[in-house]
Amino acid sequence: MKHKQRGITFIGIVFVGIVVGVVGVVAAQVAPTYMEYQSIMKAAQRASEAGTTVGDIRSSFEKSKAVDYFEAIGGKDLEISKVNDKVVVEFAYDKEIHLAGPAYLVIKYTGRTK
């Protein structure tokens, strides 16, 4: 009676390991940019609640930038408007992550306060 072998080959294990490793490295590089985006969103929300003039909002955002330590955007990059008597702060920026050679991963972040 012959038993059919089941399982994965050594080549299959190596291939799966390489794929998991590459995905892990990319995820490790993306995670800090997402955490920076969350800090920027919080800073924009605090700035929109803290001031009524454009100068006050930009100043408050710059103070939050110094405390939360992010470098992607500054107060001058904010688009500030009023909607239904509420201050709305919007921003958009791109983050590039170098993968290998000429290959980059570009992430486009946008945000808007409520």
N, C-alpha and C. Protein backbone atom coordinates (compact mmCIF):
# COMPACT_ATOMS: atom_id res chain seq x y z
N MET A 1 0.84 -1.16 0.00
CA MET A 1 0.00 0.00 0.00
C MET A 1 0.90 1.25 0.00
N LYS A 2 0.72 2.11 -1.00
CA LYS A 2 1.51 3.33 -1.09
C LYS A 2 0.78 4.46 -0.38
N HIS A 3 1.56 5.24 0.36
CA HIS A 3 1.02 6.42 1.02
C HIS A 3 1.48 7.64 0.25
N LYS A 4 0.55 8.49 -0.06
CA LYS A 4 0.87 9.72 -0.77
C LYS A 4 1.39 10.75 0.25
N GLN A 5 2.55 11.32 -0.06
CA GLN A 5 3.12 12.31 0.86
C GLN A 5 2.39 13.63 0.73
N ARG A 6 2.22 14.27 1.87
CA ARG A 6 1.58 15.59 1.89
C ARG A 6 2.50 16.56 2.61
N GLY A 7 2.32 17.80 2.31
CA GLY A 7 3.11 18.82 2.99
C GLY A 7 3.69 19.81 2.01
N ILE A 8 4.59 20.61 2.52
CA ILE A 8 5.20 21.66 1.72
C ILE A 8 6.68 21.32 1.53
N THR A 9 7.20 21.64 0.39
CA THR A 9 8.60 21.35 0.10
C THR A 9 9.49 22.43 0.71
N PHE A 10 10.78 22.16 0.73
CA PHE A 10 11.74 23.12 1.25
C PHE A 10 11.71 24.41 0.43
N ILE A 11 11.62 24.29 -0.88
CA ILE A 11 11.54 25.46 -1.76
C ILE A 11 10.28 26.26 -1.42
N GLY A 12 9.19 25.59 -1.16
CA GLY A 12 7.95 26.27 -0.79
C GLY A 12 8.10 27.03 0.51
N ILE A 13 8.78 26.42 1.49
CA ILE A 13 9.01 27.09 2.78
C ILE A 13 9.87 28.34 2.58
N VAL A 14 10.92 28.22 1.77
CA VAL A 14 11.79 29.38 1.50
C VAL A 14 11.01 30.49 0.81
N PHE A 15 10.19 30.14 -0.17
CA PHE A 15 9.39 31.14 -0.88
C PHE A 15 8.43 31.84 0.08
N VAL A 16 7.73 31.09 0.89
CA VAL A 16 6.79 31.69 1.86
C VAL A 16 7.54 32.57 2.85
N GLY A 17 8.71 32.12 3.28
CA GLY A 17 9.52 32.92 4.20
C GLY A 17 9.95 34.24 3.60
N ILE A 18 10.34 34.22 2.33
CA ILE A 18 10.75 35.45 1.66
C ILE A 18 9.57 36.41 1.54
N VAL A 19 8.42 35.91 1.15
CA VAL A 19 7.23 36.77 1.01
C VAL A 19 6.85 37.37 2.36
N VAL A 20 6.84 36.56 3.40
CA VAL A 20 6.50 37.06 4.74
C VAL A 20 7.52 38.09 5.20
N GLY A 21 8.80 37.85 4.92
CA GLY A 21 9.84 38.80 5.29
C GLY A 21 9.70 40.14 4.60
N VAL A 22 9.42 40.12 3.29
CA VAL A 22 9.26 41.37 2.53
C VAL A 22 8.04 42.14 3.03
N VAL A 23 6.95 41.44 3.25
CA VAL A 23 5.75 42.11 3.76
C VAL A 23 6.01 42.69 5.15
N GLY A 24 6.76 41.98 5.98
CA GLY A 24 7.09 42.48 7.31
C GLY A 24 7.95 43.73 7.27
N VAL A 25 8.93 43.76 6.38
CA VAL A 25 9.80 44.94 6.25
C VAL A 25 9.01 46.14 5.77
N VAL A 26 8.15 45.96 4.78
CA VAL A 26 7.33 47.07 4.28
C VAL A 26 6.38 47.55 5.37
N ALA A 27 5.76 46.64 6.10
CA ALA A 27 4.84 47.03 7.19
C ALA A 27 5.59 47.80 8.28
N ALA A 28 6.83 47.40 8.55
CA ALA A 28 7.62 48.10 9.56
C ALA A 28 7.99 49.51 9.12
N GLN A 29 8.05 49.75 7.83
CA GLN A 29 8.35 51.09 7.33
C GLN A 29 7.08 51.94 7.20
N VAL A 30 5.93 51.32 6.99
CA VAL A 30 4.68 52.05 6.85
C VAL A 30 4.12 52.45 8.22
N ALA A 31 4.29 51.63 9.22
CA ALA A 31 3.71 51.89 10.54
C ALA A 31 4.10 53.25 11.12
N PRO A 32 5.37 53.67 11.09
CA PRO A 32 5.70 55.00 11.63
C PRO A 32 5.02 56.15 10.88
N THR A 33 4.84 56.00 9.55
CA THR A 33 4.18 57.08 8.81
C THR A 33 2.71 57.18 9.19
N TYR A 34 2.07 56.05 9.48
CA TYR A 34 0.67 56.09 9.91
C TYR A 34 0.57 56.69 11.31
N MET A 35 1.50 56.38 12.18
CA MET A 35 1.49 56.97 13.53
C MET A 35 1.71 58.48 13.45
N GLU A 36 2.57 58.91 12.51
CA GLU A 36 2.79 60.34 12.30
C GLU A 36 1.50 61.00 11.81
N TYR A 37 0.79 60.34 10.90
CA TYR A 37 -0.49 60.85 10.40
C TYR A 37 -1.49 61.01 11.55
N GLN A 38 -1.54 60.05 12.46
CA GLN A 38 -2.45 60.15 13.60
C GLN A 38 -2.08 61.34 14.48
N SER A 39 -0.79 61.60 14.68
CA SER A 39 -0.35 62.76 15.46
C SER A 39 -0.75 64.06 14.77
N ILE A 40 -0.63 64.09 13.45
CA ILE A 40 -1.00 65.30 12.71
C ILE A 40 -2.50 65.53 12.81
N MET A 41 -3.30 64.47 12.72
CA MET A 41 -4.76 64.61 12.86
C MET A 41 -5.12 65.17 14.23
N LYS A 42 -4.49 64.66 15.28
CA LYS A 42 -4.77 65.15 16.64
C LYS A 42 -4.36 66.61 16.78
N ALA A 43 -3.21 66.97 16.22
CA ALA A 43 -2.74 68.34 16.29
C ALA A 43 -3.67 69.28 15.53
N ALA A 44 -4.17 68.85 14.38
CA ALA A 44 -5.11 69.67 13.60
C ALA A 44 -6.42 69.84 14.36
N GLN A 45 -6.88 68.78 15.01
CA GLN A 45 -8.12 68.87 15.78
C GLN A 45 -7.95 69.83 16.96
N ARG A 46 -6.83 69.72 17.68
CA ARG A 46 -6.58 70.63 18.80
C ARG A 46 -6.47 72.07 18.30
N ALA A 47 -5.81 72.26 17.16
CA ALA A 47 -5.63 73.62 16.62
C ALA A 47 -6.97 74.22 16.21
N SER A 48 -7.85 73.42 15.62
CA SER A 48 -9.15 73.95 15.20
C SER A 48 -10.02 74.33 16.39
N GLU A 49 -9.81 73.66 17.51
CA GLU A 49 -10.59 73.99 18.72
C GLU A 49 -9.96 75.12 19.51
N ALA A 50 -8.65 75.34 19.33
CA ALA A 50 -7.93 76.31 20.16
C ALA A 50 -8.05 77.75 19.67
N GLY A 51 -8.20 77.96 18.39
CA GLY A 51 -8.17 79.32 17.88
C GLY A 51 -9.35 79.66 17.01
N THR A 52 -9.52 80.97 16.81
CA THR A 52 -10.60 81.44 15.94
C THR A 52 -10.05 82.12 14.69
N THR A 53 -8.82 82.61 14.76
CA THR A 53 -8.22 83.24 13.59
C THR A 53 -7.24 82.27 12.94
N VAL A 54 -6.92 82.55 11.69
CA VAL A 54 -5.99 81.69 10.96
C VAL A 54 -4.62 81.68 11.64
N GLY A 55 -4.17 82.82 12.10
CA GLY A 55 -2.87 82.91 12.78
C GLY A 55 -2.84 82.09 14.07
N ASP A 56 -3.92 82.17 14.85
CA ASP A 56 -4.00 81.39 16.10
C ASP A 56 -3.96 79.89 15.82
N ILE A 57 -4.68 79.47 14.79
CA ILE A 57 -4.75 78.05 14.46
C ILE A 57 -3.39 77.55 13.98
N ARG A 58 -2.72 78.31 13.13
CA ARG A 58 -1.40 77.90 12.65
C ARG A 58 -0.39 77.87 13.81
N SER A 59 -0.46 78.84 14.71
CA SER A 59 0.44 78.89 15.86
C SER A 59 0.20 77.69 16.78
N SER A 60 -1.05 77.39 17.04
CA SER A 60 -1.38 76.24 17.88
C SER A 60 -0.89 74.94 17.24
N PHE A 61 -1.04 74.83 15.93
CA PHE A 61 -0.56 73.64 15.23
C PHE A 61 0.95 73.51 15.34
N GLU A 62 1.67 74.61 15.20
CA GLU A 62 3.14 74.58 15.30
C GLU A 62 3.58 74.16 16.71
N LYS A 63 2.85 74.60 17.73
CA LYS A 63 3.17 74.19 19.10
C LYS A 63 2.95 72.69 19.27
N SER A 64 1.86 72.18 18.72
CA SER A 64 1.60 70.74 18.78
C SER A 64 2.65 69.96 18.00
N LYS A 65 3.11 70.54 16.91
CA LYS A 65 4.15 69.90 16.09
C LYS A 65 5.43 69.73 16.90
N ALA A 66 5.77 70.74 17.69
CA ALA A 66 6.98 70.65 18.52
C ALA A 66 6.83 69.61 19.62
N VAL A 67 5.63 69.49 20.17
CA VAL A 67 5.40 68.55 21.26
C VAL A 67 5.30 67.12 20.75
N ASP A 68 4.53 66.91 19.67
CA ASP A 68 4.30 65.56 19.15
C ASP A 68 5.41 65.08 18.23
N TYR A 69 6.30 65.96 17.84
CA TYR A 69 7.45 65.65 17.01
C TYR A 69 7.08 64.94 15.71
N PHE A 70 6.55 65.73 14.78
CA PHE A 70 6.35 65.25 13.42
C PHE A 70 6.87 66.31 12.47
N GLU A 71 7.33 65.89 11.32
CA GLU A 71 8.00 66.78 10.38
C GLU A 71 7.32 66.85 9.02
N ALA A 72 6.28 66.08 8.79
CA ALA A 72 5.70 65.97 7.45
C ALA A 72 5.12 67.29 6.95
N ILE A 73 4.41 68.01 7.80
CA ILE A 73 3.81 69.29 7.39
C ILE A 73 3.97 70.30 8.51
N GLY A 74 3.73 71.56 8.16
CA GLY A 74 3.77 72.63 9.14
C GLY A 74 2.48 73.43 9.10
N GLY A 75 2.42 74.46 9.91
CA GLY A 75 1.23 75.30 9.97
C GLY A 75 0.90 75.97 8.65
N LYS A 76 1.92 76.28 7.87
CA LYS A 76 1.69 76.94 6.57
C LYS A 76 1.02 76.01 5.56
N ASP A 77 1.07 74.70 5.79
CA ASP A 77 0.50 73.72 4.87
C ASP A 77 -0.98 73.45 5.13
N LEU A 78 -1.53 74.04 6.16
CA LEU A 78 -2.93 73.81 6.50
C LEU A 78 -3.85 74.68 5.66
N GLU A 79 -5.00 74.12 5.28
CA GLU A 79 -6.06 74.89 4.63
C GLU A 79 -7.15 75.08 5.67
N ILE A 80 -7.39 76.32 6.03
CA ILE A 80 -8.32 76.63 7.12
C ILE A 80 -9.53 77.34 6.54
N SER A 81 -10.72 76.86 6.92
CA SER A 81 -11.97 77.47 6.44
C SER A 81 -13.02 77.36 7.54
N LYS A 82 -14.14 78.03 7.31
CA LYS A 82 -15.27 77.94 8.23
C LYS A 82 -16.44 77.29 7.50
N VAL A 83 -17.04 76.30 8.15
CA VAL A 83 -18.22 75.63 7.62
C VAL A 83 -19.26 75.60 8.73
N ASN A 84 -20.39 76.27 8.50
CA ASN A 84 -21.47 76.32 9.50
C ASN A 84 -20.95 76.79 10.85
N ASP A 85 -20.21 77.88 10.87
CA ASP A 85 -19.65 78.48 12.09
C ASP A 85 -18.68 77.58 12.83
N LYS A 86 -18.14 76.57 12.17
CA LYS A 86 -17.10 75.72 12.76
C LYS A 86 -15.84 75.86 11.93
N VAL A 87 -14.71 75.93 12.61
CA VAL A 87 -13.42 76.01 11.93
C VAL A 87 -13.05 74.61 11.44
N VAL A 88 -12.74 74.51 10.16
CA VAL A 88 -12.35 73.24 9.56
C VAL A 88 -10.90 73.37 9.08
N VAL A 89 -10.07 72.44 9.52
CA VAL A 89 -8.66 72.41 9.13
C VAL A 89 -8.45 71.19 8.24
N GLU A 90 -7.89 71.43 7.04
CA GLU A 90 -7.61 70.35 6.10
C GLU A 90 -6.13 70.34 5.77
N PHE A 91 -5.62 69.15 5.46
CA PHE A 91 -4.23 69.01 5.06
C PHE A 91 -4.10 67.80 4.14
N ALA A 92 -3.02 67.79 3.37
CA ALA A 92 -2.70 66.67 2.49
C ALA A 92 -1.19 66.66 2.27
N TYR A 93 -0.64 65.46 2.29
CA TYR A 93 0.79 65.33 2.03
C TYR A 93 1.09 63.90 1.55
N ASP A 94 2.26 63.73 0.95
CA ASP A 94 2.69 62.43 0.45
C ASP A 94 3.89 61.96 1.26
N LYS A 95 3.98 60.66 1.45
CA LYS A 95 5.14 60.04 2.09
C LYS A 95 5.71 59.03 1.12
N GLU A 96 7.00 59.08 0.87
CA GLU A 96 7.67 58.13 0.00
C GLU A 96 8.52 57.19 0.84
N ILE A 97 8.39 55.90 0.58
CA ILE A 97 9.19 54.90 1.26
C ILE A 97 10.02 54.18 0.20
N HIS A 98 11.33 54.26 0.34
CA HIS A 98 12.22 53.62 -0.63
C HIS A 98 12.19 52.11 -0.41
N LEU A 99 11.90 51.36 -1.45
CA LEU A 99 11.87 49.91 -1.35
C LEU A 99 13.19 49.30 -1.80
N ALA A 100 13.54 49.45 -3.07
CA ALA A 100 14.80 48.94 -3.60
C ALA A 100 15.05 49.57 -4.96
N GLY A 101 16.29 49.97 -5.21
CA GLY A 101 16.64 50.56 -6.50
C GLY A 101 15.76 51.76 -6.80
N PRO A 102 15.11 51.78 -7.96
CA PRO A 102 14.26 52.91 -8.30
C PRO A 102 12.82 52.76 -7.80
N ALA A 103 12.53 51.74 -7.01
CA ALA A 103 11.15 51.47 -6.56
C ALA A 103 10.85 52.18 -5.25
N TYR A 104 9.72 52.90 -5.23
CA TYR A 104 9.25 53.60 -4.05
C TYR A 104 7.79 53.26 -3.82
N LEU A 105 7.41 53.29 -2.57
CA LEU A 105 6.00 53.18 -2.19
C LEU A 105 5.56 54.58 -1.79
N VAL A 106 4.55 55.12 -2.48
CA VAL A 106 4.06 56.46 -2.20
C VAL A 106 2.70 56.33 -1.51
N ILE A 107 2.61 56.97 -0.34
CA ILE A 107 1.36 56.97 0.42
C ILE A 107 0.86 58.39 0.47
N LYS A 108 -0.39 58.60 0.08
CA LYS A 108 -0.98 59.93 0.09
C LYS A 108 -1.93 60.05 1.28
N TYR A 109 -1.56 60.91 2.22
CA TYR A 109 -2.36 61.13 3.42
C TYR A 109 -3.15 62.43 3.26
N THR A 110 -4.42 62.40 3.61
CA THR A 110 -5.26 63.59 3.66
C THR A 110 -6.06 63.55 4.96
N GLY A 111 -6.39 64.72 5.46
CA GLY A 111 -7.16 64.77 6.69
C GLY A 111 -7.99 66.02 6.75
N ARG A 112 -9.05 65.94 7.54
CA ARG A 112 -9.97 67.07 7.71
C ARG A 112 -10.61 66.95 9.09
N THR A 113 -10.62 68.05 9.81
CA THR A 113 -11.27 68.04 11.12
C THR A 113 -12.76 68.13 10.96
N LYS A 114 -13.47 67.73 11.98
CA LYS A 114 -14.93 67.73 11.92
C LYS A 114 -15.51 68.98 12.50
